[in-house]
Amino acid sequence: IPYHIRDKRWAVIVAHRRAGKTVACILDLLDAAIRCKKKAPRFAYTAPLLKQAKDTAWTYLKEYGLRIPGATVHENELRLDLPTGGRVRLYGADNPDSLRGIYLDGVVMDEYGDTHPKLYSDVIRPALSDRRGWATWIGTPKGPNDFFELWQKAKGDPDFFTLMLRASQSGILDPLELADARAHMPTPEQYAREYECSFAAAD
Protein backbone atom coordinates (compact mmCIF):
# COMPACT_ATOMS: atom_id res chain seq x y z
CA ILE A 1 0.00 0.00 0.00
CA PRO A 2 2.73 2.56 0.77
CA TYR A 3 4.16 1.96 -2.70
CA HIS A 4 0.81 2.40 -4.43
CA ILE A 5 0.12 5.70 -2.67
CA ARG A 6 3.65 7.10 -3.00
CA ASP A 7 4.17 10.64 -4.24
CA LYS A 8 7.77 10.19 -5.38
CA ARG A 9 8.87 9.95 -8.99
CA TRP A 10 11.51 7.32 -8.23
CA ALA A 11 11.11 4.13 -6.18
CA VAL A 12 13.31 1.20 -5.14
CA ILE A 13 11.85 -1.98 -3.65
CA VAL A 14 14.01 -4.72 -2.16
CA ALA A 15 11.86 -7.75 -1.41
CA HIS A 16 12.21 -11.39 -0.46
CA ARG A 17 11.36 -14.20 -2.86
CA ARG A 18 7.64 -14.71 -3.45
CA ALA A 19 6.78 -11.42 -1.81
CA GLY A 20 4.57 -10.42 -4.74
CA LYS A 21 6.64 -7.52 -6.01
CA THR A 22 6.00 -8.29 -9.69
CA VAL A 23 2.23 -8.51 -9.17
CA ALA A 24 2.25 -5.26 -7.20
CA CYS A 25 4.20 -3.48 -9.93
CA ILE A 26 2.06 -4.82 -12.79
CA LEU A 27 -1.02 -3.56 -10.95
CA ASP A 28 0.69 -0.22 -10.41
CA LEU A 29 1.50 0.05 -14.12
CA LEU A 30 -2.11 -0.74 -15.05
CA ASP A 31 -3.44 1.79 -12.57
CA ALA A 32 -1.07 4.44 -13.87
CA ALA A 33 -2.00 3.67 -17.49
CA ILE A 34 -5.69 4.09 -16.67
CA ARG A 35 -5.27 7.31 -14.69
CA CYS A 36 -2.73 9.05 -16.94
CA LYS A 37 -4.30 12.12 -18.58
CA LYS A 38 -1.63 12.54 -21.25
CA LYS A 39 -2.22 11.51 -24.83
CA ALA A 40 -1.43 7.85 -25.59
CA PRO A 41 0.18 6.89 -22.26
CA ARG A 42 3.00 4.36 -22.49
CA PHE A 43 4.23 2.19 -19.63
CA ALA A 44 6.81 -0.59 -19.57
CA TYR A 45 7.99 -3.51 -17.49
CA THR A 46 11.52 -4.78 -18.09
CA ALA A 47 13.37 -7.90 -16.96
CA PRO A 48 16.97 -8.89 -17.70
CA LEU A 49 15.74 -11.19 -20.52
CA LEU A 50 12.64 -10.89 -22.70
CA LYS A 51 11.84 -14.54 -22.02
CA GLN A 52 12.13 -13.81 -18.32
CA ALA A 53 9.75 -10.86 -18.64
CA LYS A 54 7.24 -13.10 -20.38
CA ASP A 55 7.59 -15.93 -17.85
CA THR A 56 7.44 -13.57 -14.88
CA ALA A 57 4.89 -10.92 -15.78
CA TRP A 58 2.87 -11.69 -18.92
CA THR A 59 0.34 -13.94 -17.17
CA TYR A 60 -0.23 -11.29 -14.50
CA LEU A 61 -0.59 -8.49 -17.04
CA LYS A 62 -3.24 -10.44 -18.92
CA GLU A 63 -5.00 -11.72 -15.81
CA TYR A 64 -5.49 -8.28 -14.30
CA GLY A 65 -5.48 -6.17 -17.46
CA LEU A 66 -8.22 -8.10 -19.20
CA ARG A 67 -10.52 -7.43 -16.26
CA ILE A 68 -10.70 -3.89 -17.59
CA PRO A 69 -13.60 -3.65 -20.07
CA GLY A 70 -12.34 -3.05 -23.59
CA ALA A 71 -8.72 -4.04 -22.90
CA THR A 72 -6.99 -6.09 -25.61
CA VAL A 73 -3.73 -8.06 -25.70
CA HIS A 74 -1.18 -8.51 -28.46
CA GLU A 75 0.62 -11.77 -27.75
CA ASN A 76 3.47 -11.28 -30.22
CA GLU A 77 4.38 -7.90 -28.73
CA LEU A 78 3.64 -8.78 -25.09
CA ARG A 79 1.46 -5.71 -25.01
CA LEU A 80 -1.85 -4.78 -23.41
CA ASP A 81 -3.86 -1.86 -24.78
CA LEU A 82 -6.52 -0.06 -22.79
CA PRO A 83 -9.63 1.59 -24.24
CA THR A 84 -8.38 4.92 -22.84
CA GLY A 85 -5.39 4.78 -25.21
CA GLY A 86 -2.97 3.66 -22.50
CA ARG A 87 -0.57 0.80 -23.11
CA VAL A 88 1.58 -1.49 -20.95
CA ARG A 89 4.28 -3.55 -22.65
CA LEU A 90 6.95 -6.00 -21.55
CA TYR A 91 10.58 -5.67 -22.67
CA GLY A 92 13.85 -7.51 -22.14
CA ALA A 93 17.08 -5.76 -21.19
CA ASP A 94 18.84 -8.20 -23.51
CA ASN A 95 17.49 -6.17 -26.43
CA PRO A 96 17.88 -2.52 -25.37
CA ASP A 97 17.36 -1.31 -28.93
CA SER A 98 13.70 -2.35 -28.64
CA LEU A 99 13.32 0.52 -26.17
CA ARG A 100 15.17 3.14 -28.19
CA GLY A 101 13.17 5.90 -29.78
CA ILE A 102 10.07 5.47 -27.62
CA TYR A 103 8.70 7.66 -24.85
CA LEU A 104 7.60 6.36 -21.47
CA ASP A 105 5.31 7.69 -18.77
CA GLY A 106 6.47 5.04 -16.32
CA VAL A 107 8.67 1.96 -16.13
CA VAL A 108 9.35 -0.91 -13.74
CA MET A 109 12.77 -2.59 -13.92
CA ASP A 110 12.67 -6.04 -12.35
CA GLU A 111 15.76 -7.91 -11.05
CA TYR A 112 17.77 -4.78 -11.65
CA GLY A 113 20.92 -6.40 -10.24
CA ASP A 114 21.05 -8.63 -13.34
CA THR A 115 20.48 -5.75 -15.76
CA HIS A 116 23.27 -3.73 -17.34
CA PRO A 117 23.07 -0.29 -15.72
CA LYS A 118 23.52 1.47 -19.06
CA LEU A 119 20.05 0.29 -20.06
CA TYR A 120 18.69 2.89 -17.67
CA SER A 121 21.19 5.69 -18.21
CA ASP A 122 21.48 5.34 -22.00
CA VAL A 123 17.99 4.23 -23.01
CA ILE A 124 15.28 4.40 -20.37
CA ARG A 125 16.15 7.69 -18.65
CA PRO A 126 16.04 9.63 -21.92
CA ALA A 127 12.69 7.97 -22.76
CA LEU A 128 11.22 9.41 -19.55
CA SER A 129 12.36 12.97 -20.12
CA ASP A 130 9.78 14.70 -22.30
CA ARG A 131 6.82 13.27 -20.35
CA ARG A 132 8.53 13.45 -16.94
CA GLY A 133 7.89 9.75 -16.51
CA TRP A 134 8.63 7.77 -13.35
CA ALA A 135 10.70 4.66 -12.64
CA THR A 136 10.65 1.82 -10.12
CA TRP A 137 13.50 -0.62 -9.56
CA ILE A 138 12.70 -3.94 -7.88
CA GLY A 139 14.64 -7.05 -6.99
CA THR A 140 16.05 -9.46 -4.45
CA PRO A 141 19.68 -8.93 -3.34
CA LYS A 142 22.52 -10.65 -5.16
CA GLY A 143 25.46 -9.24 -3.30
CA PRO A 144 27.02 -5.75 -3.50
CA ASN A 145 26.14 -5.03 -7.14
CA ASP A 146 24.50 -2.11 -9.00
CA PHE A 147 21.16 -2.78 -7.31
CA PHE A 148 22.86 -2.47 -3.91
CA GLU A 149 24.47 0.81 -4.92
CA LEU A 150 21.12 2.13 -6.12
CA TRP A 151 19.46 1.06 -2.86
CA GLN A 152 22.15 2.82 -0.82
CA LYS A 153 21.76 6.00 -2.85
CA ALA A 154 17.94 5.91 -2.73
CA LYS A 155 17.79 5.52 1.05
CA GLY A 156 19.43 8.90 1.52
CA ASP A 157 17.64 10.72 -1.31
CA PRO A 158 14.36 12.52 -0.52
CA ASP A 159 13.28 12.17 -4.16
CA PHE A 160 13.09 8.36 -3.78
CA PHE A 161 10.48 6.10 -2.23
CA THR A 162 12.18 3.05 -0.68
CA LEU A 163 10.77 -0.17 0.71
CA MET A 164 12.43 -3.32 2.02
CA LEU A 165 10.32 -6.44 2.64
CA ARG A 166 12.01 -9.16 4.70
CA ALA A 167 10.24 -12.51 4.98
CA SER A 168 10.53 -12.46 8.77
CA GLN A 169 8.65 -9.15 8.85
CA SER A 170 6.26 -9.14 5.89
CA GLY A 171 3.98 -11.97 7.05
CA ILE A 172 3.46 -13.03 3.43
CA LEU A 173 4.94 -16.53 3.74
CA ASP A 174 4.00 -19.08 6.39
CA PRO A 175 6.61 -19.38 9.17
CA LEU A 176 6.70 -23.16 8.73
CA GLU A 177 7.48 -22.70 5.04
CA LEU A 178 10.27 -20.29 5.90
CA ALA A 179 11.73 -22.77 8.39
CA ASP A 180 11.65 -25.49 5.74
CA ALA A 181 13.27 -23.20 3.16
CA ARG A 182 16.00 -22.34 5.65
CA ALA A 183 16.66 -26.04 6.25
CA HIS A 184 17.04 -26.68 2.51
CA MET A 185 19.40 -23.79 1.82
CA PRO A 186 23.07 -24.85 1.67
CA THR A 187 24.21 -21.88 3.79
CA PRO A 188 22.62 -19.40 6.21
CA GLU A 189 23.95 -16.63 3.97
CA GLN A 190 21.92 -17.85 1.02
CA TYR A 191 18.76 -17.88 3.10
CA ALA A 192 19.58 -14.40 4.37
CA ARG A 193 19.97 -13.18 0.82
CA GLU A 194 16.85 -14.76 -0.67
CA TYR A 195 14.47 -14.28 2.25
CA GLU A 196 15.93 -11.60 4.52
CA CYS A 197 17.14 -9.15 1.85
CA SER A 198 20.79 -9.31 2.86
CA PHE A 199 23.21 -7.76 0.41
CA ALA A 200 26.15 -9.17 2.37
CA ALA A 201 26.00 -12.63 0.78
CA ALA A 202 27.18 -12.71 -2.82
CA ASP A 203 25.37 -14.83 -5.43
C-alpha atoms as a PDB file:
ATOM      1  CA  ILE A   1       0.000   0.000   0.000  1.00  0.00           C
ATOM      2  CA  PRO A   2       2.732   2.564   0.772  1.00  0.00           C
ATOM      3  CA  TYR A   3       4.156   1.956  -2.696  1.00  0.00           C
ATOM      4  CA  HIS A   4       0.812   2.403  -4.434  1.00  0.00           C
ATOM      5  CA  ILE A   5       0.123   5.704  -2.669  1.00  0.00           C
ATOM      6  CA  ARG A   6       3.653   7.105  -3.001  1.00  0.00           C
ATOM      7  CA  ASP A   7       4.169  10.641  -4.240  1.00  0.00           C
ATOM      8  CA  LYS A   8       7.773  10.195  -5.378  1.00  0.00           C
ATOM      9  CA  ARG A   9       8.871   9.950  -8.990  1.00  0.00           C
ATOM     10  CA  TRP A  10      11.507   7.317  -8.234  1.00  0.00           C
ATOM     11  CA  ALA A  11      11.107   4.126  -6.180  1.00  0.00           C
ATOM     12  CA  VAL A  12      13.311   1.203  -5.136  1.00  0.00           C
ATOM     13  CA  ILE A  13      11.845  -1.980  -3.653  1.00  0.00           C
ATOM     14  CA  VAL A  14      14.011  -4.721  -2.161  1.00  0.00           C
ATOM     15  CA  ALA A  15      11.856  -7.750  -1.413  1.00  0.00           C
ATOM     16  CA  HIS A  16      12.208 -11.392  -0.463  1.00  0.00           C
ATOM     17  CA  ARG A  17      11.362 -14.195  -2.862  1.00  0.00           C
ATOM     18  CA  ARG A  18       7.642 -14.713  -3.455  1.00  0.00           C
ATOM     19  CA  ALA A  19       6.780 -11.416  -1.814  1.00  0.00           C
ATOM     20  CA  GLY A  20       4.568 -10.421  -4.744  1.00  0.00           C
ATOM     21  CA  LYS A  21       6.641  -7.520  -6.013  1.00  0.00           C
ATOM     22  CA  THR A  22       5.998  -8.287  -9.689  1.00  0.00           C
ATOM     23  CA  VAL A  23       2.235  -8.507  -9.167  1.00  0.00           C
ATOM     24  CA  ALA A  24       2.248  -5.256  -7.201  1.00  0.00           C
ATOM     25  CA  CYS A  25       4.202  -3.481  -9.929  1.00  0.00           C
ATOM     26  CA  ILE A  26       2.058  -4.816 -12.787  1.00  0.00           C
ATOM     27  CA  LEU A  27      -1.020  -3.561 -10.949  1.00  0.00           C
ATOM     28  CA  ASP A  28       0.693  -0.217 -10.408  1.00  0.00           C
ATOM     29  CA  LEU A  29       1.496   0.054 -14.120  1.00  0.00           C
ATOM     30  CA  LEU A  30      -2.108  -0.738 -15.052  1.00  0.00           C
ATOM     31  CA  ASP A  31      -3.443   1.787 -12.567  1.00  0.00           C
ATOM     32  CA  ALA A  32      -1.071   4.442 -13.868  1.00  0.00           C
ATOM     33  CA  ALA A  33      -2.001   3.670 -17.488  1.00  0.00           C
ATOM     34  CA  ILE A  34      -5.686   4.094 -16.670  1.00  0.00           C
ATOM     35  CA  ARG A  35      -5.266   7.306 -14.687  1.00  0.00           C
ATOM     36  CA  CYS A  36      -2.731   9.055 -16.938  1.00  0.00           C
ATOM     37  CA  LYS A  37      -4.295  12.122 -18.583  1.00  0.00           C
ATOM     38  CA  LYS A  38      -1.627  12.540 -21.252  1.00  0.00           C
ATOM     39  CA  LYS A  39      -2.218  11.514 -24.835  1.00  0.00           C
ATOM     40  CA  ALA A  40      -1.426   7.848 -25.595  1.00  0.00           C
ATOM     41  CA  PRO A  41       0.179   6.894 -22.259  1.00  0.00           C
ATOM     42  CA  ARG A  42       3.002   4.357 -22.490  1.00  0.00           C
ATOM     43  CA  PHE A  43       4.227   2.195 -19.630  1.00  0.00           C
ATOM     44  CA  ALA A  44       6.808  -0.587 -19.569  1.00  0.00           C
ATOM     45  CA  TYR A  45       7.993  -3.508 -17.488  1.00  0.00           C
ATOM     46  CA  THR A  46      11.518  -4.779 -18.092  1.00  0.00           C
ATOM     47  CA  ALA A  47      13.365  -7.899 -16.960  1.00  0.00           C
ATOM     48  CA  PRO A  48      16.965  -8.890 -17.701  1.00  0.00           C
ATOM     49  CA  LEU A  49      15.735 -11.191 -20.521  1.00  0.00           C
ATOM     50  CA  LEU A  50      12.636 -10.886 -22.696  1.00  0.00           C
ATOM     51  CA  LYS A  51      11.835 -14.544 -22.018  1.00  0.00           C
ATOM     52  CA  GLN A  52      12.128 -13.812 -18.319  1.00  0.00           C
ATOM     53  CA  ALA A  53       9.754 -10.862 -18.638  1.00  0.00           C
ATOM     54  CA  LYS A  54       7.242 -13.105 -20.384  1.00  0.00           C
ATOM     55  CA  ASP A  55       7.585 -15.930 -17.847  1.00  0.00           C
ATOM     56  CA  THR A  56       7.441 -13.566 -14.879  1.00  0.00           C
ATOM     57  CA  ALA A  57       4.889 -10.916 -15.776  1.00  0.00           C
ATOM     58  CA  TRP A  58       2.874 -11.693 -18.917  1.00  0.00           C
ATOM     59  CA  THR A  59       0.338 -13.936 -17.165  1.00  0.00           C
ATOM     60  CA  TYR A  60      -0.231 -11.295 -14.496  1.00  0.00           C
ATOM     61  CA  LEU A  61      -0.586  -8.490 -17.039  1.00  0.00           C
ATOM     62  CA  LYS A  62      -3.242 -10.443 -18.923  1.00  0.00           C
ATOM     63  CA  GLU A  63      -4.996 -11.715 -15.808  1.00  0.00           C
ATOM     64  CA  TYR A  64      -5.494  -8.279 -14.298  1.00  0.00           C
ATOM     65  CA  GLY A  65      -5.477  -6.170 -17.456  1.00  0.00           C
ATOM     66  CA  LEU A  66      -8.224  -8.096 -19.198  1.00  0.00           C
ATOM     67  CA  ARG A  67     -10.520  -7.434 -16.260  1.00  0.00           C
ATOM     68  CA  ILE A  68     -10.697  -3.886 -17.589  1.00  0.00           C
ATOM     69  CA  PRO A  69     -13.597  -3.651 -20.068  1.00  0.00           C
ATOM     70  CA  GLY A  70     -12.337  -3.046 -23.590  1.00  0.00           C
ATOM     71  CA  ALA A  71      -8.720  -4.042 -22.903  1.00  0.00           C
ATOM     72  CA  THR A  72      -6.987  -6.091 -25.611  1.00  0.00           C
ATOM     73  CA  VAL A  73      -3.733  -8.060 -25.696  1.00  0.00           C
ATOM     74  CA  HIS A  74      -1.184  -8.508 -28.459  1.00  0.00           C
ATOM     75  CA  GLU A  75       0.624 -11.769 -27.747  1.00  0.00           C
ATOM     76  CA  ASN A  76       3.467 -11.280 -30.220  1.00  0.00           C
ATOM     77  CA  GLU A  77       4.377  -7.900 -28.734  1.00  0.00           C
ATOM     78  CA  LEU A  78       3.635  -8.780 -25.086  1.00  0.00           C
ATOM     79  CA  ARG A  79       1.455  -5.708 -25.015  1.00  0.00           C
ATOM     80  CA  LEU A  80      -1.853  -4.782 -23.410  1.00  0.00           C
ATOM     81  CA  ASP A  81      -3.860  -1.864 -24.783  1.00  0.00           C
ATOM     82  CA  LEU A  82      -6.524  -0.056 -22.793  1.00  0.00           C
ATOM     83  CA  PRO A  83      -9.628   1.594 -24.237  1.00  0.00           C
ATOM     84  CA  THR A  84      -8.382   4.915 -22.844  1.00  0.00           C
ATOM     85  CA  GLY A  85      -5.392   4.776 -25.209  1.00  0.00           C
ATOM     86  CA  GLY A  86      -2.972   3.656 -22.504  1.00  0.00           C
ATOM     87  CA  ARG A  87      -0.569   0.799 -23.110  1.00  0.00           C
ATOM     88  CA  VAL A  88       1.582  -1.493 -20.950  1.00  0.00           C
ATOM     89  CA  ARG A  89       4.284  -3.550 -22.654  1.00  0.00           C
ATOM     90  CA  LEU A  90       6.955  -6.001 -21.545  1.00  0.00           C
ATOM     91  CA  TYR A  91      10.579  -5.674 -22.669  1.00  0.00           C
ATOM     92  CA  GLY A  92      13.850  -7.509 -22.139  1.00  0.00           C
ATOM     93  CA  ALA A  93      17.075  -5.759 -21.191  1.00  0.00           C
ATOM     94  CA  ASP A  94      18.840  -8.203 -23.510  1.00  0.00           C
ATOM     95  CA  ASN A  95      17.491  -6.166 -26.434  1.00  0.00           C
ATOM     96  CA  PRO A  96      17.878  -2.524 -25.372  1.00  0.00           C
ATOM     97  CA  ASP A  97      17.359  -1.310 -28.932  1.00  0.00           C
ATOM     98  CA  SER A  98      13.697  -2.350 -28.643  1.00  0.00           C
ATOM     99  CA  LEU A  99      13.319   0.524 -26.171  1.00  0.00           C
ATOM    100  CA  ARG A 100      15.174   3.137 -28.191  1.00  0.00           C
ATOM    101  CA  GLY A 101      13.174   5.904 -29.782  1.00  0.00           C
ATOM    102  CA  ILE A 102      10.072   5.469 -27.621  1.00  0.00           C
ATOM    103  CA  TYR A 103       8.702   7.656 -24.855  1.00  0.00           C
ATOM    104  CA  LEU A 104       7.601   6.364 -21.472  1.00  0.00           C
ATOM    105  CA  ASP A 105       5.309   7.686 -18.774  1.00  0.00           C
ATOM    106  CA  GLY A 106       6.473   5.036 -16.316  1.00  0.00           C
ATOM    107  CA  VAL A 107       8.671   1.957 -16.133  1.00  0.00           C
ATOM    108  CA  VAL A 108       9.352  -0.913 -13.741  1.00  0.00           C
ATOM    109  CA  MET A 109      12.773  -2.586 -13.921  1.00  0.00           C
ATOM    110  CA  ASP A 110      12.673  -6.043 -12.348  1.00  0.00           C
ATOM    111  CA  GLU A 111      15.760  -7.909 -11.055  1.00  0.00           C
ATOM    112  CA  TYR A 112      17.770  -4.783 -11.650  1.00  0.00           C
ATOM    113  CA  GLY A 113      20.917  -6.396 -10.238  1.00  0.00           C
ATOM    114  CA  ASP A 114      21.049  -8.627 -13.335  1.00  0.00           C
ATOM    115  CA  THR A 115      20.476  -5.751 -15.760  1.00  0.00           C
ATOM    116  CA  HIS A 116      23.270  -3.731 -17.345  1.00  0.00           C
ATOM    117  CA  PRO A 117      23.075  -0.289 -15.716  1.00  0.00           C
ATOM    118  CA  LYS A 118      23.521   1.467 -19.058  1.00  0.00           C
ATOM    119  CA  LEU A 119      20.045   0.292 -20.062  1.00  0.00           C
ATOM    120  CA  TYR A 120      18.694   2.889 -17.668  1.00  0.00           C
ATOM    121  CA  SER A 121      21.194   5.689 -18.212  1.00  0.00           C
ATOM    122  CA  ASP A 122      21.485   5.339 -21.998  1.00  0.00           C
ATOM    123  CA  VAL A 123      17.990   4.227 -23.007  1.00  0.00           C
ATOM    124  CA  ILE A 124      15.280   4.403 -20.367  1.00  0.00           C
ATOM    125  CA  ARG A 125      16.147   7.688 -18.646  1.00  0.00           C
ATOM    126  CA  PRO A 126      16.037   9.632 -21.924  1.00  0.00           C
ATOM    127  CA  ALA A 127      12.695   7.972 -22.763  1.00  0.00           C
ATOM    128  CA  LEU A 128      11.222   9.410 -19.547  1.00  0.00           C
ATOM    129  CA  SER A 129      12.363  12.969 -20.120  1.00  0.00           C
ATOM    130  CA  ASP A 130       9.779  14.699 -22.301  1.00  0.00           C
ATOM    131  CA  ARG A 131       6.818  13.270 -20.354  1.00  0.00           C
ATOM    132  CA  ARG A 132       8.535  13.445 -16.943  1.00  0.00           C
ATOM    133  CA  GLY A 133       7.887   9.749 -16.506  1.00  0.00           C
ATOM    134  CA  TRP A 134       8.628   7.774 -13.355  1.00  0.00           C
ATOM    135  CA  ALA A 135      10.703   4.664 -12.636  1.00  0.00           C
ATOM    136  CA  THR A 136      10.645   1.824 -10.120  1.00  0.00           C
ATOM    137  CA  TRP A 137      13.496  -0.619  -9.560  1.00  0.00           C
ATOM    138  CA  ILE A 138      12.696  -3.942  -7.881  1.00  0.00           C
ATOM    139  CA  GLY A 139      14.637  -7.050  -6.991  1.00  0.00           C
ATOM    140  CA  THR A 140      16.054  -9.465  -4.449  1.00  0.00           C
ATOM    141  CA  PRO A 141      19.683  -8.933  -3.341  1.00  0.00           C
ATOM    142  CA  LYS A 142      22.523 -10.651  -5.161  1.00  0.00           C
ATOM    143  CA  GLY A 143      25.463  -9.238  -3.298  1.00  0.00           C
ATOM    144  CA  PRO A 144      27.015  -5.753  -3.495  1.00  0.00           C
ATOM    145  CA  ASN A 145      26.141  -5.025  -7.136  1.00  0.00           C
ATOM    146  CA  ASP A 146      24.505  -2.111  -9.002  1.00  0.00           C
ATOM    147  CA  PHE A 147      21.161  -2.779  -7.306  1.00  0.00           C
ATOM    148  CA  PHE A 148      22.857  -2.474  -3.911  1.00  0.00           C
ATOM    149  CA  GLU A 149      24.471   0.811  -4.923  1.00  0.00           C
ATOM    150  CA  LEU A 150      21.123   2.128  -6.124  1.00  0.00           C
ATOM    151  CA  TRP A 151      19.463   1.062  -2.859  1.00  0.00           C
ATOM    152  CA  GLN A 152      22.151   2.821  -0.819  1.00  0.00           C
ATOM    153  CA  LYS A 153      21.755   6.002  -2.847  1.00  0.00           C
ATOM    154  CA  ALA A 154      17.945   5.914  -2.730  1.00  0.00           C
ATOM    155  CA  LYS A 155      17.790   5.524   1.052  1.00  0.00           C
ATOM    156  CA  GLY A 156      19.428   8.897   1.517  1.00  0.00           C
ATOM    157  CA  ASP A 157      17.640  10.717  -1.310  1.00  0.00           C
ATOM    158  CA  PRO A 158      14.358  12.521  -0.516  1.00  0.00           C
ATOM    159  CA  ASP A 159      13.284  12.166  -4.156  1.00  0.00           C
ATOM    160  CA  PHE A 160      13.089   8.364  -3.776  1.00  0.00           C
ATOM    161  CA  PHE A 161      10.485   6.103  -2.230  1.00  0.00           C
ATOM    162  CA  THR A 162      12.184   3.049  -0.679  1.00  0.00           C
ATOM    163  CA  LEU A 163      10.765  -0.174   0.713  1.00  0.00           C
ATOM    164  CA  MET A 164      12.428  -3.322   2.024  1.00  0.00           C
ATOM    165  CA  LEU A 165      10.323  -6.436   2.645  1.00  0.00           C
ATOM    166  CA  ARG A 166      12.008  -9.159   4.701  1.00  0.00           C
ATOM    167  CA  ALA A 167      10.238 -12.514   4.981  1.00  0.00           C
ATOM    168  CA  SER A 168      10.525 -12.456   8.770  1.00  0.00           C
ATOM    169  CA  GLN A 169       8.646  -9.148   8.852  1.00  0.00           C
ATOM    170  CA  SER A 170       6.256  -9.144   5.889  1.00  0.00           C
ATOM    171  CA  GLY A 171       3.978 -11.970   7.051  1.00  0.00           C
ATOM    172  CA  ILE A 172       3.457 -13.034   3.431  1.00  0.00           C
ATOM    173  CA  LEU A 173       4.941 -16.528   3.739  1.00  0.00           C
ATOM    174  CA  ASP A 174       3.997 -19.083   6.386  1.00  0.00           C
ATOM    175  CA  PRO A 175       6.605 -19.384   9.172  1.00  0.00           C
ATOM    176  CA  LEU A 176       6.697 -23.165   8.728  1.00  0.00           C
ATOM    177  CA  GLU A 177       7.478 -22.702   5.039  1.00  0.00           C
ATOM    178  CA  LEU A 178      10.269 -20.292   5.902  1.00  0.00           C
ATOM    179  CA  ALA A 179      11.729 -22.768   8.387  1.00  0.00           C
ATOM    180  CA  ASP A 180      11.651 -25.489   5.741  1.00  0.00           C
ATOM    181  CA  ALA A 181      13.271 -23.204   3.164  1.00  0.00           C
ATOM    182  CA  ARG A 182      16.004 -22.339   5.649  1.00  0.00           C
ATOM    183  CA  ALA A 183      16.657 -26.045   6.246  1.00  0.00           C
ATOM    184  CA  HIS A 184      17.036 -26.682   2.509  1.00  0.00           C
ATOM    185  CA  MET A 185      19.397 -23.785   1.824  1.00  0.00           C
ATOM    186  CA  PRO A 186      23.074 -24.845   1.673  1.00  0.00           C
ATOM    187  CA  THR A 187      24.209 -21.884   3.792  1.00  0.00           C
ATOM    188  CA  PRO A 188      22.621 -19.401   6.207  1.00  0.00           C
ATOM    189  CA  GLU A 189      23.951 -16.631   3.971  1.00  0.00           C
ATOM    190  CA  GLN A 190      21.916 -17.855   1.020  1.00  0.00           C
ATOM    191  CA  TYR A 191      18.756 -17.879   3.096  1.00  0.00           C
ATOM    192  CA  ALA A 192      19.584 -14.397   4.374  1.00  0.00           C
ATOM    193  CA  ARG A 193      19.970 -13.181   0.815  1.00  0.00           C
ATOM    194  CA  GLU A 194      16.853 -14.755  -0.674  1.00  0.00           C
ATOM    195  CA  TYR A 195      14.469 -14.276   2.249  1.00  0.00           C
ATOM    196  CA  GLU A 196      15.932 -11.598   4.518  1.00  0.00           C
ATOM    197  CA  CYS A 197      17.136  -9.151   1.848  1.00  0.00           C
ATOM    198  CA  SER A 198      20.794  -9.313   2.860  1.00  0.00           C
ATOM    199  CA  PHE A 199      23.211  -7.760   0.409  1.00  0.00           C
ATOM    200  CA  ALA A 200      26.154  -9.167   2.365  1.00  0.00           C
ATOM    201  CA  ALA A 201      25.996 -12.634   0.781  1.00  0.00           C
ATOM    202  CA  ALA A 202      27.175 -12.715  -2.824  1.00  0.00           C
ATOM    203  CA  ASP A 203      25.367 -14.829  -5.432  1.00  0.00           C
END
